[in-house]
Amino acid sequence: MRIYIFKSDASSKLRAFAADLSGSKLPDRLGPWHAVGVVGLGKDPPYKLSRDHIERAINADGFQLWRMKADSPSAS
């Protein structure tokens, strides 16, 4: 699965993973959302996040939310 990374305009530290570039299943109340990256097939997600956990969440809910730590550099 190709995993797209999104950034929320509602919260500067909020990010999401989704399986489609449009982010069609991301929660509207936390958007607008902007695609900021992609995790290719068989590649590891950033920040040592579990690819298996992300894929299970996407399959169940259509997306996976995550929050950057205060001391982490911003993903762009």
N, C-alpha and C. Protein backbone atom coordinates (compact mmCIF):
# COMPACT_ATOMS: atom_id res chain seq x y z
N MET A 1 0.84 -1.18 0.00
CA MET A 1 0.00 0.00 0.00
C MET A 1 0.89 1.25 0.00
N ARG A 2 0.56 2.20 -0.86
CA ARG A 2 1.21 3.51 -0.83
C ARG A 2 0.46 4.35 0.21
N ILE A 3 1.20 5.00 1.09
CA ILE A 3 0.60 5.76 2.18
C ILE A 3 0.94 7.24 1.99
N TYR A 4 -0.10 8.07 1.95
CA TYR A 4 0.10 9.51 1.80
C TYR A 4 0.08 10.19 3.17
N ILE A 5 0.94 11.18 3.34
CA ILE A 5 1.04 11.92 4.59
C ILE A 5 0.39 13.28 4.39
N PHE A 6 -0.46 13.66 5.35
CA PHE A 6 -1.18 14.92 5.29
C PHE A 6 -0.90 15.77 6.53
N LYS A 7 -1.00 17.06 6.34
CA LYS A 7 -0.86 18.03 7.43
C LYS A 7 -2.18 18.78 7.57
N SER A 8 -2.60 19.00 8.81
CA SER A 8 -3.84 19.70 9.09
C SER A 8 -3.59 21.20 9.23
N ASP A 9 -4.49 22.00 8.66
CA ASP A 9 -4.45 23.45 8.88
C ASP A 9 -5.05 23.81 10.23
N ALA A 10 -5.89 22.94 10.78
CA ALA A 10 -6.56 23.21 12.05
C ALA A 10 -5.61 23.13 13.24
N SER A 11 -4.59 22.31 13.12
CA SER A 11 -3.62 22.12 14.20
C SER A 11 -2.24 21.90 13.59
N SER A 12 -1.30 22.76 13.90
CA SER A 12 0.01 22.72 13.23
C SER A 12 0.80 21.44 13.46
N LYS A 13 0.52 20.72 14.52
CA LYS A 13 1.25 19.49 14.82
C LYS A 13 0.51 18.22 14.40
N LEU A 14 -0.73 18.36 13.91
CA LEU A 14 -1.53 17.20 13.56
C LEU A 14 -1.22 16.73 12.15
N ARG A 15 -0.99 15.43 12.01
CA ARG A 15 -0.72 14.80 10.73
C ARG A 15 -1.65 13.61 10.58
N ALA A 16 -1.71 13.09 9.37
CA ALA A 16 -2.54 11.91 9.10
C ALA A 16 -1.91 11.10 7.99
N PHE A 17 -2.22 9.82 7.99
CA PHE A 17 -1.87 8.92 6.91
C PHE A 17 -3.17 8.48 6.25
N ALA A 18 -3.15 8.37 4.93
CA ALA A 18 -4.32 7.88 4.19
C ALA A 18 -3.82 7.14 2.96
N ALA A 19 -4.71 6.34 2.37
CA ALA A 19 -4.32 5.53 1.21
C ALA A 19 -4.58 6.23 -0.11
N ASP A 20 -5.24 7.39 -0.09
CA ASP A 20 -5.50 8.09 -1.36
C ASP A 20 -4.98 9.52 -1.28
N LEU A 21 -4.47 10.01 -2.40
CA LEU A 21 -3.85 11.33 -2.47
C LEU A 21 -4.82 12.45 -2.14
N SER A 22 -6.10 12.24 -2.37
CA SER A 22 -7.08 13.29 -2.08
C SER A 22 -7.42 13.37 -0.59
N GLY A 23 -7.09 12.34 0.18
CA GLY A 23 -7.42 12.33 1.60
C GLY A 23 -8.92 12.34 1.84
N SER A 24 -9.65 11.68 0.99
CA SER A 24 -11.12 11.73 1.00
C SER A 24 -11.76 11.24 2.29
N LYS A 25 -11.06 10.42 3.06
CA LYS A 25 -11.65 9.88 4.29
C LYS A 25 -11.17 10.60 5.55
N LEU A 26 -10.34 11.62 5.39
CA LEU A 26 -9.85 12.37 6.55
C LEU A 26 -10.98 13.19 7.17
N PRO A 27 -10.97 13.38 8.49
CA PRO A 27 -12.05 14.11 9.15
C PRO A 27 -12.09 15.59 8.74
N ASP A 28 -13.22 16.03 8.20
CA ASP A 28 -13.38 17.41 7.75
C ASP A 28 -13.16 18.41 8.88
N ARG A 29 -13.61 18.06 10.10
CA ARG A 29 -13.53 18.99 11.22
C ARG A 29 -12.09 19.34 11.60
N LEU A 30 -11.13 18.54 11.15
CA LEU A 30 -9.71 18.78 11.47
C LEU A 30 -8.95 19.34 10.28
N GLY A 31 -9.63 19.62 9.19
CA GLY A 31 -8.99 20.11 7.98
C GLY A 31 -9.05 21.62 7.88
N PRO A 32 -8.72 22.14 6.75
CA PRO A 32 -8.37 21.41 5.54
C PRO A 32 -7.04 20.67 5.68
N TRP A 33 -6.90 19.64 4.87
CA TRP A 33 -5.72 18.79 4.86
C TRP A 33 -4.91 19.04 3.60
N HIS A 34 -3.59 18.97 3.74
CA HIS A 34 -2.70 19.14 2.60
C HIS A 34 -1.71 17.99 2.55
N ALA A 35 -1.60 17.35 1.39
CA ALA A 35 -0.63 16.26 1.22
C ALA A 35 0.78 16.85 1.31
N VAL A 36 1.62 16.24 2.14
CA VAL A 36 2.99 16.73 2.33
C VAL A 36 4.04 15.65 2.08
N GLY A 37 3.61 14.44 1.78
CA GLY A 37 4.58 13.38 1.53
C GLY A 37 3.91 12.06 1.20
N VAL A 38 4.74 11.10 0.89
CA VAL A 38 4.25 9.76 0.57
C VAL A 38 5.26 8.75 1.07
N VAL A 39 4.74 7.62 1.53
CA VAL A 39 5.57 6.49 1.95
C VAL A 39 5.36 5.42 0.88
N GLY A 40 6.39 5.13 0.12
CA GLY A 40 6.29 4.17 -0.97
C GLY A 40 6.06 2.75 -0.50
N LEU A 41 5.73 1.90 -1.44
CA LEU A 41 5.50 0.48 -1.16
C LEU A 41 6.72 -0.13 -0.48
N GLY A 42 6.50 -0.78 0.64
CA GLY A 42 7.57 -1.45 1.34
C GLY A 42 8.55 -0.55 2.08
N LYS A 43 8.31 0.76 2.09
CA LYS A 43 9.19 1.71 2.78
C LYS A 43 8.69 1.96 4.19
N ASP A 44 9.59 2.38 5.07
CA ASP A 44 9.21 2.67 6.46
C ASP A 44 8.65 4.08 6.58
N PRO A 45 7.60 4.24 7.38
CA PRO A 45 7.06 5.57 7.65
C PRO A 45 8.06 6.40 8.47
N PRO A 46 7.87 7.71 8.53
CA PRO A 46 8.77 8.55 9.31
C PRO A 46 8.63 8.32 10.82
N TYR A 47 9.63 8.76 11.56
CA TYR A 47 9.63 8.77 13.03
C TYR A 47 9.44 7.40 13.66
N LYS A 48 9.86 6.35 12.96
CA LYS A 48 9.79 4.98 13.46
C LYS A 48 8.37 4.55 13.80
N LEU A 49 7.38 5.12 13.12
CA LEU A 49 5.99 4.69 13.31
C LEU A 49 5.81 3.33 12.63
N SER A 50 4.93 2.52 13.17
CA SER A 50 4.71 1.16 12.67
C SER A 50 3.87 1.16 11.40
N ARG A 51 4.46 0.69 10.31
CA ARG A 51 3.72 0.59 9.05
C ARG A 51 2.52 -0.35 9.19
N ASP A 52 2.70 -1.46 9.89
CA ASP A 52 1.62 -2.42 10.08
C ASP A 52 0.44 -1.76 10.82
N HIS A 53 0.74 -1.01 11.86
CA HIS A 53 -0.30 -0.32 12.63
C HIS A 53 -1.04 0.70 11.76
N ILE A 54 -0.29 1.45 10.96
CA ILE A 54 -0.87 2.45 10.06
C ILE A 54 -1.77 1.79 9.03
N GLU A 55 -1.30 0.72 8.41
CA GLU A 55 -2.10 0.03 7.39
C GLU A 55 -3.37 -0.57 7.99
N ARG A 56 -3.29 -1.11 9.20
CA ARG A 56 -4.49 -1.66 9.85
C ARG A 56 -5.50 -0.55 10.12
N ALA A 57 -5.04 0.61 10.57
CA ALA A 57 -5.94 1.74 10.84
C ALA A 57 -6.58 2.24 9.55
N ILE A 58 -5.79 2.33 8.48
CA ILE A 58 -6.33 2.77 7.19
C ILE A 58 -7.37 1.78 6.69
N ASN A 59 -7.10 0.51 6.81
CA ASN A 59 -8.07 -0.51 6.36
C ASN A 59 -9.36 -0.47 7.19
N ALA A 60 -9.24 -0.18 8.48
CA ALA A 60 -10.42 -0.16 9.36
C ALA A 60 -11.18 1.16 9.29
N ASP A 61 -10.46 2.29 9.28
CA ASP A 61 -11.08 3.60 9.42
C ASP A 61 -10.87 4.54 8.24
N GLY A 62 -9.98 4.18 7.32
CA GLY A 62 -9.70 5.03 6.17
C GLY A 62 -8.57 6.00 6.37
N PHE A 63 -8.05 6.10 7.60
CA PHE A 63 -6.95 7.02 7.90
C PHE A 63 -6.34 6.67 9.25
N GLN A 64 -5.19 7.28 9.54
CA GLN A 64 -4.53 7.16 10.85
C GLN A 64 -4.04 8.56 11.21
N LEU A 65 -4.47 9.09 12.35
CA LEU A 65 -4.00 10.39 12.81
C LEU A 65 -2.77 10.23 13.70
N TRP A 66 -1.93 11.23 13.71
CA TRP A 66 -0.80 11.27 14.63
C TRP A 66 -0.40 12.72 14.86
N ARG A 67 0.24 12.97 15.97
CA ARG A 67 0.62 14.31 16.37
C ARG A 67 2.14 14.37 16.53
N MET A 68 2.71 15.43 15.97
CA MET A 68 4.15 15.65 16.10
C MET A 68 4.45 16.03 17.55
N LYS A 69 5.57 15.58 18.07
CA LYS A 69 5.99 16.01 19.40
C LYS A 69 6.43 17.47 19.33
N ALA A 70 6.32 18.15 20.43
CA ALA A 70 6.66 19.58 20.49
C ALA A 70 8.10 19.85 20.07
N ASP A 71 8.99 18.92 20.35
CA ASP A 71 10.40 19.15 20.05
C ASP A 71 10.83 18.54 18.71
N SER A 72 9.88 17.95 17.95
CA SER A 72 10.21 17.36 16.66
C SER A 72 10.21 18.43 15.58
N PRO A 73 11.15 18.33 14.61
CA PRO A 73 11.10 19.27 13.50
C PRO A 73 9.86 19.02 12.66
N SER A 74 9.31 20.04 12.10
CA SER A 74 8.07 19.93 11.31
C SER A 74 8.33 19.14 10.05
N ALA A 75 7.41 18.21 9.73
CA ALA A 75 7.49 17.49 8.46
C ALA A 75 6.91 18.37 7.37
N SER A 76 7.59 18.47 6.28
CA SER A 76 7.07 19.32 5.19
C SER A 76 7.17 18.63 3.87
